[in-house]
Amino acid sequence: MAYRIVAERKDETVRMDRSSALVAVAKARVWASEGWKVTIIVGDENEATPADARRLSFV
């Protein structure tokens, strides 16, 4: 399973892909603590944009 992390702040956007849920959540927490709005998109790594993706947001 793939985890895409999208971090946004002002006019900046950073995207990262991780295969580990633990690493994805840890990175999201660090980015969120620095003032970024972070979304983790959970989906199948074989699809570019999973139709049934689940999202978890950190603000």
PDB file of N, CA and C in Angstrom:
ATOM      1  N   MET A   1       0.841  -1.163   0.000  1.00  0.00           N
ATOM      2  CA  MET A   1       0.000   0.000   0.000  1.00  0.00           C
ATOM      3  C   MET A   1       0.893   1.235   0.000  1.00  0.00           C
ATOM      4  N   ALA A   2       0.472   2.289  -0.669  1.00  0.00           N
ATOM      5  CA  ALA A   2       1.252   3.525  -0.771  1.00  0.00           C
ATOM      6  C   ALA A   2       0.609   4.628   0.050  1.00  0.00           C
ATOM      7  N   TYR A   3       1.454   5.496   0.571  1.00  0.00           N
ATOM      8  CA  TYR A   3       1.004   6.631   1.355  1.00  0.00           C
ATOM      9  C   TYR A   3       1.619   7.885   0.745  1.00  0.00           C
ATOM     10  N   ARG A   4       0.790   8.774   0.234  1.00  0.00           N
ATOM     11  CA  ARG A   4       1.273  10.030  -0.336  1.00  0.00           C
ATOM     12  C   ARG A   4       1.047  11.128   0.691  1.00  0.00           C
ATOM     13  N   ILE A   5       2.105  11.855   1.017  1.00  0.00           N
ATOM     14  CA  ILE A   5       2.041  12.962   1.960  1.00  0.00           C
ATOM     15  C   ILE A   5       2.065  14.243   1.139  1.00  0.00           C
ATOM     16  N   VAL A   6       1.080  15.110   1.371  1.00  0.00           N
ATOM     17  CA  VAL A   6       1.024  16.405   0.708  1.00  0.00           C
ATOM     18  C   VAL A   6       1.043  17.464   1.801  1.00  0.00           C
ATOM     19  N   ALA A   7       2.079  18.293   1.808  1.00  0.00           N
ATOM     20  CA  ALA A   7       2.219  19.364   2.798  1.00  0.00           C
ATOM     21  C   ALA A   7       2.102  20.701   2.078  1.00  0.00           C
ATOM     22  N   GLU A   8       1.242  21.585   2.626  1.00  0.00           N
ATOM     23  CA  GLU A   8       1.020  22.888   1.998  1.00  0.00           C
ATOM     24  C   GLU A   8       1.180  23.995   3.027  1.00  0.00           C
ATOM     25  N   ARG A   9       1.824  25.072   2.591  1.00  0.00           N
ATOM     26  CA  ARG A   9       1.965  26.260   3.429  1.00  0.00           C
ATOM     27  C   ARG A   9       2.148  27.441   2.495  1.00  0.00           C
ATOM     28  N   LYS A  10       1.254  28.431   2.650  1.00  0.00           N
ATOM     29  CA  LYS A  10       1.240  29.624   1.784  1.00  0.00           C
ATOM     30  C   LYS A  10       1.228  29.195   0.326  1.00  0.00           C
ATOM     31  N   ASP A  11       2.256  29.503  -0.438  1.00  0.00           N
ATOM     32  CA  ASP A  11       2.285  29.145  -1.857  1.00  0.00           C
ATOM     33  C   ASP A  11       3.207  27.957  -2.152  1.00  0.00           C
ATOM     34  N   GLU A  12       3.573  27.218  -1.118  1.00  0.00           N
ATOM     35  CA  GLU A  12       4.464  26.070  -1.273  1.00  0.00           C
ATOM     36  C   GLU A  12       3.694  24.762  -1.113  1.00  0.00           C
ATOM     37  N   THR A  13       4.021  23.772  -1.926  1.00  0.00           N
ATOM     38  CA  THR A  13       3.448  22.436  -1.811  1.00  0.00           C
ATOM     39  C   THR A  13       4.563  21.417  -1.962  1.00  0.00           C
ATOM     40  N   VAL A  14       4.585  20.452  -1.050  1.00  0.00           N
ATOM     41  CA  VAL A  14       5.581  19.373  -1.095  1.00  0.00           C
ATOM     42  C   VAL A  14       4.827  18.049  -1.120  1.00  0.00           C
ATOM     43  N   ARG A  15       5.224  17.136  -2.010  1.00  0.00           N
ATOM     44  CA  ARG A  15       4.606  15.815  -2.102  1.00  0.00           C
ATOM     45  C   ARG A  15       5.676  14.751  -1.906  1.00  0.00           C
ATOM     46  N   MET A  16       5.337  13.749  -1.087  1.00  0.00           N
ATOM     47  CA  MET A  16       6.261  12.644  -0.827  1.00  0.00           C
ATOM     48  C   MET A  16       5.470  11.341  -0.866  1.00  0.00           C
ATOM     49  N   ASP A  17       6.067  10.293  -1.351  1.00  0.00           N
ATOM     50  CA  ASP A  17       5.457   8.966  -1.330  1.00  0.00           C
ATOM     51  C   ASP A  17       6.245   8.075  -0.387  1.00  0.00           C
ATOM     52  N   ARG A  18       5.540   7.343   0.439  1.00  0.00           N
ATOM     53  CA  ARG A  18       6.163   6.411   1.383  1.00  0.00           C
ATOM     54  C   ARG A  18       5.399   5.095   1.342  1.00  0.00           C
ATOM     55  N   SER A  19       6.074   4.004   1.623  1.00  0.00           N
ATOM     56  CA  SER A  19       5.419   2.696   1.644  1.00  0.00           C
ATOM     57  C   SER A  19       5.059   2.266   3.059  1.00  0.00           C
ATOM     58  N   SER A  20       5.562   2.974   4.060  1.00  0.00           N
ATOM     59  CA  SER A  20       5.312   2.626   5.461  1.00  0.00           C
ATOM     60  C   SER A  20       4.358   3.636   6.090  1.00  0.00           C
ATOM     61  N   ALA A  21       3.281   3.144   6.710  1.00  0.00           N
ATOM     62  CA  ALA A  21       2.327   4.016   7.394  1.00  0.00           C
ATOM     63  C   ALA A  21       3.009   4.726   8.558  1.00  0.00           C
ATOM     64  N   LEU A  22       3.862   4.030   9.271  1.00  0.00           N
ATOM     65  CA  LEU A  22       4.550   4.611  10.420  1.00  0.00           C
ATOM     66  C   LEU A  22       5.418   5.794  10.001  1.00  0.00           C
ATOM     67  N   VAL A  23       6.164   5.637   8.934  1.00  0.00           N
ATOM     68  CA  VAL A  23       7.027   6.711   8.447  1.00  0.00           C
ATOM     69  C   VAL A  23       6.181   7.869   7.921  1.00  0.00           C
ATOM     70  N   ALA A  24       5.100   7.568   7.208  1.00  0.00           N
ATOM     71  CA  ALA A  24       4.231   8.615   6.670  1.00  0.00           C
ATOM     72  C   ALA A  24       3.627   9.465   7.788  1.00  0.00           C
ATOM     73  N   VAL A  25       3.131   8.830   8.830  1.00  0.00           N
ATOM     74  CA  VAL A  25       2.526   9.569   9.944  1.00  0.00           C
ATOM     75  C   VAL A  25       3.589  10.360  10.704  1.00  0.00           C
ATOM     76  N   ALA A  26       4.752   9.771  10.906  1.00  0.00           N
ATOM     77  CA  ALA A  26       5.827  10.476  11.606  1.00  0.00           C
ATOM     78  C   ALA A  26       6.248  11.727  10.833  1.00  0.00           C
ATOM     79  N   LYS A  27       6.423  11.611   9.535  1.00  0.00           N
ATOM     80  CA  LYS A  27       6.796  12.767   8.719  1.00  0.00           C
ATOM     81  C   LYS A  27       5.691  13.813   8.736  1.00  0.00           C
ATOM     82  N   ALA A  28       4.433  13.374   8.640  1.00  0.00           N
ATOM     83  CA  ALA A  28       3.304  14.308   8.657  1.00  0.00           C
ATOM     84  C   ALA A  28       3.257  15.082   9.963  1.00  0.00           C
ATOM     85  N   ARG A  29       3.512  14.418  11.068  1.00  0.00           N
ATOM     86  CA  ARG A  29       3.493  15.091  12.377  1.00  0.00           C
ATOM     87  C   ARG A  29       4.593  16.144  12.476  1.00  0.00           C
ATOM     88  N   VAL A  30       5.762  15.848  11.937  1.00  0.00           N
ATOM     89  CA  VAL A  30       6.856  16.812  11.964  1.00  0.00           C
ATOM     90  C   VAL A  30       6.507  18.028  11.115  1.00  0.00           C
ATOM     91  N   TRP A  31       6.022  17.812   9.893  1.00  0.00           N
ATOM     92  CA  TRP A  31       5.647  18.918   9.015  1.00  0.00           C
ATOM     93  C   TRP A  31       4.534  19.747   9.649  1.00  0.00           C
ATOM     94  N   ALA A  32       3.539  19.093  10.246  1.00  0.00           N
ATOM     95  CA  ALA A  32       2.426  19.807  10.880  1.00  0.00           C
ATOM     96  C   ALA A  32       2.923  20.646  12.061  1.00  0.00           C
ATOM     97  N   SER A  33       3.882  20.129  12.806  1.00  0.00           N
ATOM     98  CA  SER A  33       4.413  20.885  13.949  1.00  0.00           C
ATOM     99  C   SER A  33       5.174  22.131  13.504  1.00  0.00           C
ATOM    100  N   GLU A  34       5.591  22.161  12.250  1.00  0.00           N
ATOM    101  CA  GLU A  34       6.298  23.319  11.700  1.00  0.00           C
ATOM    102  C   GLU A  34       5.349  24.276  10.972  1.00  0.00           C
ATOM    103  N   GLY A  35       4.033  24.056  11.124  1.00  0.00           N
ATOM    104  CA  GLY A  35       3.054  24.980  10.562  1.00  0.00           C
ATOM    105  C   GLY A  35       2.502  24.632   9.193  1.00  0.00           C
ATOM    106  N   TRP A  36       2.794  23.454   8.691  1.00  0.00           N
ATOM    107  CA  TRP A  36       2.291  23.027   7.396  1.00  0.00           C
ATOM    108  C   TRP A  36       0.930  22.357   7.568  1.00  0.00           C
ATOM    109  N   LYS A  37       0.058  22.486   6.571  1.00  0.00           N
ATOM    110  CA  LYS A  37      -1.192  21.735   6.524  1.00  0.00           C
ATOM    111  C   LYS A  37      -0.856  20.446   5.766  1.00  0.00           C
ATOM    112  N   VAL A  38      -1.012  19.306   6.421  1.00  0.00           N
ATOM    113  CA  VAL A  38      -0.552  18.037   5.867  1.00  0.00           C
ATOM    114  C   VAL A  38      -1.725  17.092   5.641  1.00  0.00           C
ATOM    115  N   THR A  39      -1.734  16.450   4.479  1.00  0.00           N
ATOM    116  CA  THR A  39      -2.726  15.432   4.151  1.00  0.00           C
ATOM    117  C   THR A  39      -1.997  14.161   3.756  1.00  0.00           C
ATOM    118  N   ILE A  40      -2.451  13.032   4.287  1.00  0.00           N
ATOM    119  CA  ILE A  40      -1.920  11.729   3.876  1.00  0.00           C
ATOM    120  C   ILE A  40      -2.998  11.048   3.052  1.00  0.00           C
ATOM    121  N   ILE A  41      -2.651  10.659   1.847  1.00  0.00           N
ATOM    122  CA  ILE A  41      -3.578   9.961   0.959  1.00  0.00           C
ATOM    123  C   ILE A  41      -3.155   8.504   0.922  1.00  0.00           C
ATOM    124  N   VAL A  42      -4.065   7.629   1.303  1.00  0.00           N
ATOM    125  CA  VAL A  42      -3.782   6.196   1.357  1.00  0.00           C
ATOM    126  C   VAL A  42      -4.422   5.536   0.153  1.00  0.00           C
ATOM    127  N   GLY A  43      -3.632   4.794  -0.609  1.00  0.00           N
ATOM    128  CA  GLY A  43      -4.179   4.133  -1.777  1.00  0.00           C
ATOM    129  C   GLY A  43      -3.261   3.058  -2.302  1.00  0.00           C
ATOM    130  N   ASP A  44      -3.678   2.447  -3.384  1.00  0.00           N
ATOM    131  CA  ASP A  44      -2.919   1.388  -4.035  1.00  0.00           C
ATOM    132  C   ASP A  44      -1.766   2.004  -4.807  1.00  0.00           C
ATOM    133  N   GLU A  45      -0.562   1.501  -4.618  1.00  0.00           N
ATOM    134  CA  GLU A  45       0.604   2.077  -5.284  1.00  0.00           C
ATOM    135  C   GLU A  45       0.603   1.861  -6.784  1.00  0.00           C
ATOM    136  N   ASN A  46      -0.271   1.008  -7.320  1.00  0.00           N
ATOM    137  CA  ASN A  46      -0.334   0.768  -8.753  1.00  0.00           C
ATOM    138  C   ASN A  46      -1.165   1.806  -9.486  1.00  0.00           C
ATOM    139  N   GLU A  47      -1.879   2.662  -8.767  1.00  0.00           N
ATOM    140  CA  GLU A  47      -2.718   3.677  -9.381  1.00  0.00           C
ATOM    141  C   GLU A  47      -2.101   5.051  -9.142  1.00  0.00           C
ATOM    142  N   ALA A  48      -2.128   5.896 -10.171  1.00  0.00           N
ATOM    143  CA  ALA A  48      -1.577   7.245 -10.035  1.00  0.00           C
ATOM    144  C   ALA A  48      -2.405   8.073  -9.060  1.00  0.00           C
ATOM    145  N   THR A  49      -3.729   8.067  -9.221  1.00  0.00           N
ATOM    146  CA  THR A  49      -4.638   8.757  -8.309  1.00  0.00           C
ATOM    147  C   THR A  49      -5.737   7.779  -7.943  1.00  0.00           C
ATOM    148  N   PRO A  50      -5.637   7.137  -6.806  1.00  0.00           N
ATOM    149  CA  PRO A  50      -6.626   6.124  -6.431  1.00  0.00           C
ATOM    150  C   PRO A  50      -8.025   6.711  -6.293  1.00  0.00           C
ATOM    151  N   ALA A  51      -8.997   6.081  -6.936  1.00  0.00           N
ATOM    152  CA  ALA A  51     -10.391   6.533  -6.856  1.00  0.00           C
ATOM    153  C   ALA A  51     -10.958   6.347  -5.460  1.00  0.00           C
ATOM    154  N   ASP A  52     -10.530   5.305  -4.777  1.00  0.00           N
ATOM    155  CA  ASP A  52     -11.061   5.029  -3.439  1.00  0.00           C
ATOM    156  C   ASP A  52     -10.059   5.402  -2.344  1.00  0.00           C
ATOM    157  N   ALA A  53      -9.251   6.426  -2.612  1.00  0.00           N
ATOM    158  CA  ALA A  53      -8.236   6.838  -1.642  1.00  0.00           C
ATOM    159  C   ALA A  53      -8.876   7.359  -0.364  1.00  0.00           C
ATOM    160  N   ARG A  54      -8.224   7.095   0.736  1.00  0.00           N
ATOM    161  CA  ARG A  54      -8.651   7.619   2.029  1.00  0.00           C
ATOM    162  C   ARG A  54      -7.691   8.722   2.415  1.00  0.00           C
ATOM    163  N   ARG A  55      -8.235   9.768   3.035  1.00  0.00           N
ATOM    164  CA  ARG A  55      -7.405  10.923   3.389  1.00  0.00           C
ATOM    165  C   ARG A  55      -7.397  11.142   4.888  1.00  0.00           C
ATOM    166  N   LEU A  56      -6.241  11.508   5.397  1.00  0.00           N
ATOM    167  CA  LEU A  56      -6.064  11.851   6.798  1.00  0.00           C
ATOM    168  C   LEU A  56      -5.337  13.189   6.812  1.00  0.00           C
ATOM    169  N   SER A  57      -5.904  14.186   7.491  1.00  0.00           N
ATOM    170  CA  SER A  57      -5.312  15.521   7.490  1.00  0.00           C
ATOM    171  C   SER A  57      -4.813  15.919   8.860  1.00  0.00           C
ATOM    172  N   PHE A  58      -3.696  16.620   8.872  1.00  0.00           N
ATOM    173  CA  PHE A  58      -3.121  17.215  10.065  1.00  0.00           C
ATOM    174  C   PHE A  58      -3.092  18.716   9.829  1.00  0.00           C
ATOM    175  N   VAL A  59      -3.527  19.483  10.776  1.00  0.00           N
ATOM    176  CA  VAL A  59      -3.475  20.935  10.614  1.00  0.00           C
ATOM    177  C   VAL A  59      -2.639  21.539  11.714  1.00  0.00           C
TER     178      VAL A  59
END
